[in-house]
Protein backbone atom coordinates (compact mmCIF):
# COMPACT_ATOMS: atom_id res chain seq x y z
CA MET A 1 0.00 0.00 0.00
CA VAL A 2 1.15 3.55 -0.74
CA ALA A 3 -0.10 4.87 2.59
CA PRO A 4 -0.61 1.99 5.00
CA CYS A 5 -2.77 2.37 8.08
CA SER A 6 -2.06 -0.40 10.57
CA VAL A 7 -4.92 0.64 12.88
CA ASN A 8 -8.00 2.08 11.19
CA GLY A 9 -8.80 5.05 13.39
CA GLU A 10 -5.17 5.99 13.99
CA CYS A 11 -4.11 6.58 10.39
CA GLU A 12 -1.14 8.91 10.03
CA ALA A 13 0.00 11.34 7.36
CA PRO A 14 0.19 11.30 4.36
CA LEU A 15 -3.39 10.06 4.79
CA GLY A 16 -5.69 13.00 5.41
CA ALA A 17 -8.25 11.28 7.63
CA SER A 18 -7.63 9.36 10.82
CA THR A 19 -10.10 6.68 9.76
CA MET A 20 -10.37 5.05 6.35
CA SER A 21 -13.76 5.71 4.66
CA LEU A 22 -14.27 8.89 6.73
CA ILE A 23 -13.28 12.37 5.55
CA TYR A 24 -11.81 13.71 8.79
CA VAL A 25 -12.01 11.93 12.15
CA ASN A 26 -14.45 9.41 13.57
CA PRO A 27 -17.34 11.58 14.88
CA GLU A 28 -18.13 8.89 17.45
CA GLY A 29 -14.66 9.33 18.96
CA PRO A 30 -11.27 7.70 18.43
CA LEU A 31 -11.82 4.05 17.51
CA ALA A 32 -15.55 4.68 18.15
CA VAL A 33 -14.91 5.32 21.86
CA PRO A 34 -17.10 8.31 22.90
CA ASP A 35 -14.36 10.14 24.80
CA PRO A 36 -14.32 13.88 23.93
CA GLU A 37 -10.98 14.48 25.67
CA LEU A 38 -9.32 11.88 23.45
CA SER A 39 -11.06 13.25 20.37
CA ALA A 40 -9.81 16.83 20.70
CA PRO A 41 -6.10 16.16 19.97
CA GLN A 42 -7.07 13.94 17.05
CA ILE A 43 -9.16 16.76 15.60
CA ARG A 44 -6.20 19.13 15.86
CA GLU A 45 -3.84 16.63 14.23
CA VAL A 46 -6.12 15.80 11.30
CA PHE A 47 -7.12 19.39 10.56
CA SER A 48 -3.45 20.40 10.69
CA ARG A 49 -2.87 17.98 7.81
CA MET A 50 -5.14 20.32 5.85
CA ALA A 51 -3.05 23.27 7.07
CA MET A 52 -5.92 24.51 9.25
CA ASN A 53 -5.17 26.37 12.49
CA ASP A 54 -7.33 26.18 15.61
CA SER A 55 -9.59 29.10 14.71
CA GLU A 56 -10.18 27.75 11.21
CA THR A 57 -10.86 24.28 12.60
CA VAL A 58 -13.48 25.39 15.13
CA ALA A 59 -15.14 27.73 12.63
CA LEU A 60 -15.39 24.97 10.03
CA ILE A 61 -16.82 22.43 12.46
CA GLY A 62 -19.39 24.80 13.92
CA GLY A 63 -20.18 26.52 10.65
CA GLY A 64 -20.62 23.21 8.90
CA HIS A 65 -22.94 21.98 11.63
CA ALA A 66 -25.08 25.14 11.52
CA PHE A 67 -26.83 23.58 8.52
CA GLY A 68 -28.53 20.24 8.05
CA LYS A 69 -28.62 17.17 10.23
CA THR A 70 -27.24 13.67 10.59
CA HIS A 71 -29.26 10.75 9.20
CA GLY A 72 -29.52 7.44 11.00
CA ALA A 73 -33.15 6.90 11.99
CA CYS A 74 -33.39 3.65 10.03
CA PRO A 75 -32.10 0.89 12.32
CA THR A 76 -31.55 -1.54 9.45
CA GLY A 77 -29.11 0.74 7.63
CA PRO A 78 -28.69 1.99 4.06
CA GLY A 79 -28.69 -1.33 2.25
CA PRO A 80 -26.10 -2.77 -0.20
CA ASN A 81 -22.97 -0.68 -0.70
CA PRO A 82 -21.49 0.23 -4.13
CA MET A 83 -19.33 -2.91 -4.19
CA GLN A 84 -22.30 -5.13 -3.47
CA GLN A 85 -24.79 -3.36 -5.74
CA PRO A 86 -23.09 -0.85 -8.04
CA TRP A 87 -26.20 -0.21 -10.13
CA ASN A 88 -28.19 1.03 -7.13
CA PRO A 89 -26.00 1.48 -4.07
CA TRP A 90 -27.38 2.33 -0.64
CA PRO A 91 -31.03 2.30 -1.68
CA GLY A 92 -32.26 2.38 1.91
CA THR A 93 -34.09 -0.31 3.85
CA CYS A 94 -36.77 1.69 5.65
CA GLY A 95 -39.95 3.07 4.17
CA GLU A 96 -41.87 2.10 1.08
CA GLY A 97 -42.50 3.37 -2.42
CA PRO A 98 -40.93 6.66 -3.51
CA MET A 99 -39.92 7.48 0.10
CA LYS A 100 -37.91 4.30 0.64
CA GLY A 101 -34.50 5.40 1.92
CA LYS A 102 -35.46 9.07 1.63
CA GLY A 103 -36.63 11.81 3.96
CA ASN A 104 -37.09 10.46 7.47
CA ASN A 105 -36.02 7.05 6.16
CA THR A 106 -32.60 8.28 5.08
CA PHE A 107 -29.54 6.54 6.50
CA THR A 108 -26.09 8.03 5.84
CA SER A 109 -23.69 8.35 8.78
CA GLY A 110 -25.84 6.37 11.17
CA PHE A 111 -26.11 9.26 13.63
CA GLU A 112 -29.52 10.88 13.93
CA GLY A 113 -30.53 14.46 14.62
CA PRO A 114 -29.78 18.15 13.96
CA TRP A 115 -27.29 20.30 15.85
CA THR A 116 -29.56 23.34 15.98
CA THR A 117 -33.28 24.06 16.26
CA ASN A 118 -33.35 25.69 12.82
CA PRO A 119 -30.92 23.74 10.63
CA ILE A 120 -31.74 25.70 7.47
CA ARG A 121 -30.51 29.02 8.90
CA TRP A 122 -26.95 30.27 9.17
CA ASP A 123 -26.21 31.46 12.68
CA ASN A 124 -24.06 30.73 15.73
CA GLU A 125 -26.67 28.65 17.58
CA TYR A 126 -24.37 25.60 17.41
CA PHE A 127 -21.86 27.34 19.66
CA VAL A 128 -24.56 28.72 21.94
CA ASN A 129 -25.99 25.22 22.38
CA LEU A 130 -22.59 23.73 23.20
CA LEU A 131 -22.21 26.15 26.11
CA LYS A 132 -25.85 26.34 27.23
CA TYR A 133 -26.29 22.66 28.04
CA ASP A 134 -24.42 19.78 29.52
CA TRP A 135 -24.20 16.75 27.29
CA LYS A 136 -24.95 13.11 27.97
CA VAL A 137 -23.87 10.23 25.78
CA TYR A 138 -26.40 7.66 24.54
CA VAL A 139 -26.77 5.22 21.66
CA GLY A 140 -28.89 6.60 18.83
CA PRO A 141 -31.30 4.65 16.60
CA GLY A 142 -28.50 4.00 14.11
CA GLY A 143 -26.44 2.20 16.73
CA HIS A 144 -23.80 4.91 17.26
CA HIS A 145 -22.88 6.90 20.36
CA GLN A 146 -24.15 10.48 20.22
CA TRP A 147 -24.93 13.15 22.79
CA GLU A 148 -28.19 14.69 24.02
CA PRO A 149 -28.60 17.98 25.90
CA VAL A 150 -29.03 18.01 29.68
CA LEU A 151 -29.98 21.07 31.70
CA LYS A 152 -27.16 22.56 33.70
CA GLU A 153 -27.47 22.50 37.48
CA ASP A 154 -28.25 26.22 37.67
CA ALA A 155 -30.85 26.12 34.88
CA ASP A 156 -34.59 26.49 35.43
CA PRO A 157 -35.94 22.92 35.70
CA GLU A 158 -39.00 24.03 33.78
CA ASP A 159 -36.93 24.88 30.70
CA ASP A 160 -37.66 22.74 27.67
CA LEU A 161 -34.81 20.79 26.12
CA PRO A 162 -34.47 21.18 22.34
CA ASP A 163 -34.54 18.17 20.06
CA ILE A 164 -30.90 18.44 19.06
CA ILE A 165 -27.76 16.32 19.32
CA MET A 166 -24.01 16.68 19.39
CA LEU A 167 -21.35 14.21 18.32
CA THR A 168 -18.31 13.27 20.34
CA THR A 169 -16.22 15.51 18.07
CA ASP A 170 -18.51 18.43 18.89
CA VAL A 171 -18.35 17.94 22.66
CA ALA A 172 -14.57 17.64 22.28
CA LEU A 173 -14.43 21.37 21.54
CA LEU A 174 -15.40 21.96 25.18
CA LYS A 175 -12.59 19.78 26.49
CA ASP A 176 -9.66 21.59 24.90
CA PRO A 177 -8.81 24.99 26.45
CA ILE A 178 -7.96 26.67 23.14
CA TYR A 179 -10.99 25.28 21.36
CA LEU A 180 -13.20 26.25 24.31
CA GLU A 181 -12.15 29.91 24.12
CA LEU A 182 -13.00 29.93 20.43
CA VAL A 183 -16.40 28.36 21.13
CA LYS A 184 -17.08 31.15 23.63
CA LEU A 185 -15.97 33.79 21.12
CA PHE A 186 -18.18 32.48 18.32
CA ALA A 187 -21.15 31.98 20.68
CA ALA A 188 -20.93 35.61 21.77
CA ASN A 189 -19.97 37.21 18.47
CA GLN A 190 -21.75 36.26 15.25
CA THR A 191 -19.56 38.62 13.23
CA ALA A 192 -16.38 36.93 14.46
CA LEU A 193 -17.81 33.60 13.33
CA ASP A 194 -18.83 34.99 9.95
CA ILE A 195 -15.32 36.30 9.30
CA ALA A 196 -13.52 33.18 10.55
CA PHE A 197 -15.79 30.79 8.71
CA SER A 198 -15.72 32.64 5.39
CA HIS A 199 -11.92 32.67 5.47
CA ALA A 200 -11.65 29.02 6.49
CA TRP A 201 -14.25 27.88 3.94
CA TYR A 202 -12.53 29.74 1.12
CA LYS A 203 -9.25 28.16 2.16
CA LEU A 204 -10.81 24.70 2.37
CA VAL A 205 -12.33 24.78 -1.13
CA THR A 206 -9.57 26.79 -2.85
CA ARG A 207 -6.27 25.62 -1.40
CA ASP A 208 -5.84 22.81 -3.94
CA MET A 209 -6.20 25.28 -6.83
CA GLY A 210 -2.77 26.81 -6.29
CA PRO A 211 -2.02 30.52 -6.51
CA TYR A 212 -4.42 33.44 -6.81
CA SER A 213 -3.72 33.80 -10.53
CA ARG A 214 -5.56 30.53 -11.25
CA CYS A 215 -8.86 31.88 -9.85
CA LEU A 216 -11.55 33.50 -12.00
CA GLY A 217 -14.63 35.59 -11.26
CA ASP A 218 -15.71 38.83 -9.65
CA GLN A 219 -16.03 37.30 -6.17
CA VAL A 220 -12.37 36.35 -5.77
CA PRO A 221 -10.89 37.96 -2.63
CA PRO A 222 -7.36 39.37 -2.58
CA PRO A 223 -4.48 36.86 -2.52
CA GLN A 224 -4.44 34.92 0.72
CA PRO A 225 -1.33 33.68 2.58
CA PHE A 226 -2.25 30.05 1.86
CA GLN A 227 -2.03 30.87 -1.86
CA ALA A 228 1.67 31.72 -1.47
CA PRO A 229 1.42 35.08 -3.28
CA LEU A 230 4.49 36.44 -5.01
CA PRO A 231 5.48 40.01 -5.78
CA PRO A 232 5.56 40.99 -9.45
CA PRO A 233 8.86 40.31 -11.23
CA PRO A 234 11.27 43.23 -11.58
CA ALA A 235 10.43 45.69 -14.33
CA LYS A 236 13.98 45.61 -15.63
CA ILE A 237 14.67 42.54 -17.77
CA PRO A 238 18.28 41.35 -17.52
CA ASP A 239 20.36 40.30 -20.50
CA TYR A 240 19.86 36.54 -20.17
CA LYS A 241 22.50 35.78 -22.81
CA ALA A 242 25.06 37.69 -20.77
CA VAL A 243 23.89 35.90 -17.64
CA THR A 244 24.34 32.56 -19.43
CA LYS A 245 27.93 33.49 -20.33
CA ALA A 246 28.65 34.40 -16.71
CA ILE A 247 27.21 31.08 -15.51
CA THR A 248 29.23 29.16 -18.10
CA LYS A 249 32.38 30.81 -16.80
CA ALA A 250 31.42 30.02 -13.19
CA LEU A 251 31.10 26.32 -13.99
CA ARG A 252 34.88 25.90 -13.82
CA VAL A 253 36.08 28.67 -11.52
CA ILE A 254 36.86 27.86 -7.90
CA SER A 255 34.51 29.54 -5.44
CA PRO A 256 35.24 29.85 -1.70
CA ALA A 257 31.54 29.27 -1.02
CA LEU A 258 31.56 25.53 -1.69
CA PRO A 259 33.98 22.69 -2.50
CA TYR A 260 33.76 21.70 -6.16
CA ASP A 261 33.63 18.35 -7.93
CA PRO A 262 37.18 17.73 -9.19
CA VAL A 263 37.24 16.46 -12.77
CA ASN A 264 40.69 15.67 -14.18
CA GLY A 265 42.14 17.85 -11.45
CA LYS A 266 40.00 20.85 -12.40
CA PRO A 267 37.01 22.40 -10.60
CA TYR A 268 33.48 21.72 -11.84
CA TYR A 269 30.19 23.05 -10.44
CA GLY A 270 27.83 22.03 -13.23
CA ALA A 271 26.26 19.04 -11.48
CA LEU A 272 25.71 21.18 -8.40
CA PHE A 273 24.00 23.91 -10.44
CA ALA A 274 21.74 21.31 -12.06
CA THR A 275 20.98 19.79 -8.65
CA LEU A 276 20.02 23.20 -7.25
CA ALA A 277 17.63 23.83 -10.13
CA TRP A 278 16.11 20.38 -9.81
CA GLN A 279 15.64 20.62 -6.05
CA CYS A 280 14.03 24.02 -6.50
CA ALA A 281 11.65 22.98 -9.29
CA SER A 282 10.82 19.41 -8.29
CA SER A 283 8.88 20.58 -5.24
CA PHE A 284 6.05 21.30 -7.72
CA ARG A 285 2.90 19.24 -7.22
CA GLN A 286 0.30 19.07 -9.97
CA THR A 287 -2.08 17.65 -7.37
CA ASP A 288 -2.53 21.02 -5.66
CA TYR A 289 -0.42 23.37 -7.82
CA THR A 290 1.99 24.18 -5.00
CA GLY A 291 5.78 24.25 -4.99
CA GLY A 292 8.02 24.87 -7.95
CA CYS A 293 10.91 27.26 -8.43
CA ASN A 294 8.99 30.47 -9.07
CA GLY A 295 9.65 32.42 -5.88
CA ALA A 296 12.94 30.60 -5.22
CA ARG A 297 11.61 29.44 -1.87
CA ILE A 298 14.42 26.92 -1.68
CA ARG A 299 16.22 29.91 -0.06
CA LEU A 300 13.68 30.02 2.76
CA ALA A 301 12.31 27.80 5.51
CA PRO A 302 11.06 25.13 5.41
CA GLN A 303 12.59 24.09 2.07
CA LYS A 304 16.13 25.26 2.83
CA ASP A 305 16.15 22.96 5.87
CA TRP A 306 14.95 19.80 4.14
CA PRO A 307 17.68 17.13 4.44
CA GLN A 308 17.66 16.59 0.66
CA ASN A 309 18.55 20.27 0.20
CA VAL A 310 21.74 20.16 2.24
CA ALA A 311 24.36 22.62 0.91
CA MET A 312 21.98 24.10 -1.67
CA ASP A 313 22.39 27.43 0.11
CA LYS A 314 26.11 27.17 -0.54
CA VAL A 315 25.54 26.39 -4.21
CA LEU A 316 23.43 29.52 -4.38
CA LYS A 317 26.27 31.51 -2.84
CA VAL A 318 28.50 30.38 -5.70
CA LEU A 319 25.98 32.06 -8.03
CA GLU A 320 25.37 35.19 -5.95
CA PRO A 321 28.13 37.27 -7.58
CA ILE A 322 26.32 36.75 -10.89
CA LYS A 323 23.03 37.93 -9.42
CA ASP A 324 24.72 41.01 -8.01
CA SER A 325 26.13 41.83 -11.44
CA PHE A 326 22.77 41.90 -13.26
CA PRO A 327 20.07 44.29 -12.00
CA GLY A 328 16.62 42.77 -12.36
CA LEU A 329 17.90 39.19 -12.21
CA THR A 330 15.91 37.19 -9.67
CA TYR A 331 17.17 34.22 -7.72
CA ALA A 332 14.41 32.10 -9.29
CA ASP A 333 15.49 32.89 -12.86
CA LEU A 334 19.16 32.53 -11.94
CA ILE A 335 18.63 29.08 -10.42
CA VAL A 336 16.74 27.74 -13.42
CA LEU A 337 19.10 29.32 -15.94
CA ALA A 338 22.11 27.92 -14.06
CA GLY A 339 20.60 24.43 -14.28
CA ASN A 340 19.87 24.83 -17.97
CA THR A 341 23.34 26.21 -18.66
CA ALA A 342 25.03 23.38 -16.78
CA LEU A 343 23.04 20.75 -18.67
CA THR A 344 23.68 22.40 -22.04
CA ASP A 345 27.37 22.46 -21.19
CA ALA A 346 27.02 18.74 -20.41
CA LYS A 347 25.69 18.17 -23.97
CA ALA A 348 21.99 18.09 -23.15
CA LYS A 349 19.75 19.00 -26.07
CA GLY A 350 16.62 21.10 -26.17
CA MET A 351 16.93 23.05 -22.92
CA ARG A 352 14.50 25.98 -23.03
CA PHE A 353 14.54 29.00 -20.76
CA CYS A 354 11.56 31.23 -20.06
CA GLY A 355 12.40 34.22 -17.86
CA GLY A 356 10.16 36.40 -15.75
CA ARG A 357 10.10 34.65 -12.37
CA SER A 358 9.96 36.60 -9.14
CA ASP A 359 11.38 35.98 -5.68
CA ALA A 360 9.35 35.45 -2.54
CA ASP A 361 10.02 38.00 0.19
CA SER A 362 12.54 36.70 2.69
CA ASP A 363 10.28 37.77 5.57
CA GLU A 364 7.09 36.14 4.29
CA PRO A 365 5.38 33.68 6.68
CA PRO A 366 6.52 30.10 6.02
CA VAL A 367 4.65 28.67 3.05
CA THR A 368 3.32 25.14 3.34
CA VAL A 369 5.19 23.03 0.81
CA THR A 370 5.20 19.24 0.85
CA PRO A 371 8.46 17.41 0.09
CA GLN A 372 8.39 14.41 -2.19
CA ARG A 373 7.06 11.40 -0.37
CA VAL A 374 9.41 8.62 0.66
CA PHE A 375 8.32 4.98 0.77
CA ASN A 376 10.11 1.79 1.69
CA ASP A 377 9.06 0.39 -1.68
CA LYS A 378 11.21 2.48 -4.01
CA LEU A 379 9.23 1.53 -7.10
CA VAL A 380 6.12 2.93 -5.44
CA GLN A 381 8.12 6.02 -4.53
CA LEU A 382 9.37 6.53 -8.07
CA LYS A 383 5.88 6.22 -9.53
CA ASP A 384 4.25 8.33 -6.84
CA ASN A 385 6.77 11.17 -7.19
CA ALA A 386 6.36 11.17 -10.98
CA ILE A 387 2.56 11.31 -10.81
CA VAL A 388 2.53 14.08 -8.19
CA MET A 389 4.99 16.19 -10.22
CA GLY A 390 3.00 15.65 -13.41
CA LEU A 391 5.74 13.72 -15.22
CA THR A 392 5.16 10.80 -17.54
CA PHE A 393 6.96 7.63 -16.50
CA ARG A 394 9.13 8.04 -19.58
CA GLU A 395 10.20 11.52 -18.48
CA ALA A 396 10.75 10.36 -14.90
CA VAL A 397 13.05 7.55 -16.03
CA ALA A 398 15.03 9.88 -18.29
CA LEU A 399 15.50 12.46 -15.52
CA LYS A 400 17.13 9.85 -13.29
CA ALA A 401 20.18 10.16 -15.56
CA MET A 402 20.68 13.83 -14.66
CA ILE A 403 24.33 14.70 -14.10
CA ARG A 404 25.04 13.77 -10.50
CA SER A 405 27.55 15.44 -8.20
CA PRO A 406 29.77 12.95 -6.35
CA SER A 407 30.48 15.52 -3.64
CA GLN A 408 26.77 16.21 -3.13
CA GLN A 409 26.06 12.49 -2.91
CA GLN A 410 28.56 12.32 -0.07
CA ARG A 411 26.92 15.27 1.67
CA LEU A 412 23.66 13.34 1.47
CA GLY A 413 25.33 10.45 3.23
CA TYR A 414 26.12 8.19 0.26
CA SER A 415 29.52 6.78 -0.63
CA GLY A 416 29.59 8.33 -4.07
CA SER A 417 27.96 8.20 -7.49
CA TRP A 418 27.75 5.85 -10.45
CA THR A 419 30.40 7.97 -12.21
CA ASP A 420 33.24 10.23 -11.15
CA ASN A 421 32.77 12.38 -14.26
CA PRO A 422 29.59 14.46 -13.93
CA THR A 423 30.42 16.72 -16.89
CA ARG A 424 28.49 14.74 -19.50
CA LEU A 425 24.77 13.97 -19.74
CA SER A 426 24.30 10.76 -21.68
CA ASN A 427 22.59 7.41 -21.74
CA GLU A 428 25.62 5.85 -20.03
CA PHE A 429 23.66 5.89 -16.75
CA PHE A 430 21.28 3.28 -18.14
CA LYS A 431 24.11 1.12 -19.45
CA VAL A 432 25.72 1.07 -16.02
CA LEU A 433 22.36 0.40 -14.38
CA LEU A 434 21.35 -2.51 -16.60
CA ASP A 435 24.75 -4.11 -17.28
CA ASN A 436 25.78 -4.55 -13.65
CA ASP A 437 24.64 -6.65 -10.75
CA TRP A 438 24.05 -4.72 -7.57
CA VAL A 439 24.25 -5.50 -3.89
CA ASN A 440 22.74 -3.65 -0.94
CA VAL A 441 25.33 -1.93 1.24
CA THR A 442 25.24 0.70 3.95
CA SER A 443 27.38 3.80 3.65
CA ALA A 444 29.59 5.05 6.45
CA ALA A 445 26.88 7.63 7.18
CA GLY A 446 24.22 4.91 7.46
CA GLN A 447 22.52 5.38 4.08
CA LEU A 448 21.25 2.32 2.23
CA GLU A 449 22.78 2.29 -1.24
CA MET A 450 23.54 -0.11 -4.09
CA LYS A 451 27.08 -1.07 -5.03
CA ALA A 452 28.05 -2.57 -8.39
CA VAL A 453 29.32 -6.11 -7.85
CA GLY A 454 33.02 -6.43 -8.59
CA LYS A 455 33.57 -2.71 -9.13
CA GLU A 456 35.01 -0.15 -6.76
CA GLY A 457 33.45 3.26 -6.34
CA VAL A 458 30.32 2.61 -8.45
CA TYR A 459 27.17 3.34 -6.47
CA MET A 460 23.53 3.97 -7.18
CA MET A 461 20.59 4.76 -4.97
CA PRO A 462 17.70 2.34 -4.33
CA CYS A 463 15.36 4.55 -6.41
CA ASP A 464 17.74 4.09 -9.37
CA LEU A 465 17.49 0.32 -9.06
CA ALA A 466 13.69 0.54 -9.02
CA ILE A 467 13.96 1.26 -12.76
CA LYS A 468 15.64 -2.10 -13.26
CA TRP A 469 13.14 -3.95 -11.07
CA ASP A 470 10.05 -2.82 -12.98
CA PRO A 471 9.41 -4.33 -16.45
CA VAL A 472 7.85 -1.14 -17.83
CA PHE A 473 10.61 1.13 -16.54
CA ALA A 474 13.30 -1.38 -17.53
CA ALA A 475 11.96 -1.41 -21.09
CA ILE A 476 12.18 2.39 -21.21
CA ALA A 477 15.73 2.25 -19.88
CA GLN A 478 16.69 -0.37 -22.46
CA GLU A 479 15.31 1.84 -25.23
CA PHE A 480 17.42 4.73 -23.95
CA VAL A 481 20.52 2.50 -24.02
CA THR A 482 20.04 1.84 -27.73
CA ASP A 483 18.58 5.20 -28.76
CA SER A 484 20.33 8.24 -27.33
CA THR A 485 18.05 10.59 -29.28
CA ALA A 486 15.02 9.14 -27.52
CA PHE A 487 16.77 9.69 -24.19
CA TYR A 488 17.72 13.31 -24.89
CA THR A 489 14.20 14.05 -26.12
CA ALA A 490 12.52 12.56 -23.04
CA PHE A 491 15.00 14.25 -20.71
CA ALA A 492 14.42 17.68 -22.25
CA SER A 493 10.65 17.18 -22.15
CA GLY A 494 10.68 16.34 -18.46
CA TRP A 495 13.22 18.99 -17.48
CA ASN A 496 11.51 21.82 -19.35
CA LYS A 497 8.14 20.75 -17.96
CA MET A 498 9.38 20.93 -14.37
CA MET A 499 11.25 24.22 -14.76
CA ASN A 500 8.11 25.92 -16.10
CA ALA A 501 5.32 23.97 -14.38
CA ASP A 502 4.52 26.79 -11.94
CA ARG A 503 4.47 29.62 -14.50
CA PHE A 504 0.69 29.90 -14.32
CA LYS A 505 -1.38 32.02 -16.69
CA GLY A 506 -4.97 31.89 -15.58
CA PRO A 507 -6.58 28.62 -14.48
CA ALA A 508 -5.11 26.42 -17.22
CA GLY A 509 -2.50 28.38 -19.18
CA ASN A 510 1.24 28.79 -18.86
CA GLU A 511 3.40 31.86 -19.40
CA CYS A 512 5.96 29.75 -21.26
CA LYS A 513 5.53 28.14 -24.65
CA SER A 514 5.42 24.36 -24.62
């Protein structure tokens, strides 16, 4: 499994929900135990996976429960599920004729009842009810634990109790001190709830759309922090040809900022420049349109502190004199152009550069960016990373042959690389991969790696070997061995796609020509 959950009800990230088949947490309580105090921390954990803070979490729960009701009055349940009866799933088992499984006969969650006395009106009654009554657990008609209101000790015994319910996850908001203060705020101040809920709802339904520029319509609010807004690029356009010449010169000039890769006794920074560009751009996720190199957030937390980005700040320092020499040149453009220049110098074909990126402000609040997922099954990891980035498997296989810095491999904890000459991009990577037998070894730093049998100093990473283990990927690799043109074409396609993936123009366009 890509995201295993050993105990259903205690599922961890990258899964969003704590319980498989539920969208957030179990409303009955952790593992269906109706304990509000145990439920509160689980709520916080799961909503944090959606990048929601406490205020947003409480507003969403209470705002969502201002409307509608739960449905579980039918004790015999909803009927056959989609696997059992795909042509008519969950038809209902209570009622007859056109009302079978509908109206009062509806069964969805198995809980039964509304949270408020007027569940078709938007207001803050949910929060008022939480505070106004005590709550007693009981088993509803659908067989699940839910909570009914009980008069507080100081209440008038003649007061009528409303026909409402709460779930364990609702009562949990009273058991956490931070949540409780927010409940009190929203119960006393409808305007505060309106503002908090509208912000949280917009974030909930918009966050997977990426930046503000992908939104359309006359009701779009200003850019929000969760959309990772960027300042406009500088008005002055640098001479990119002159920048390219400066980068080409820097490929083989010793810099005090970072040790180089020695090639035939001479300094070489090309593989490090390409690595910087790749680490910057490969944070892009087509699944929610986040990440990418526009903004050059690899300079900032949290990306600069990811273990896989070790020493990337020093690579950037090697390039800083170039940035200082060209007014209007952004870090983001410099990083991508340095990667392109290094690969072109290494005989790559078809590298395209599209300028106009901007840099995120160094004092912006940390932007939520998700690093590539790591799995024990490296074939699963290779496929998952490719799909999330929007690469074809063919492009993903080709990009594994990117020029690789031996010194950077050592900084990452590996013993070395498959070659000690990172100055040439070619299909030789696939020849080495397929023509050798490999054995698992552990580096001095504790990293699992693969060593070529009978050869000294030839290492690959487990994700490299996943290409050889999979028949589809192995066939692609074999084609690249025999057809270098096919390799260069696929490599350029994948590289150019990643460098420009986040150059959005409206909801579906791109600033750069394909």
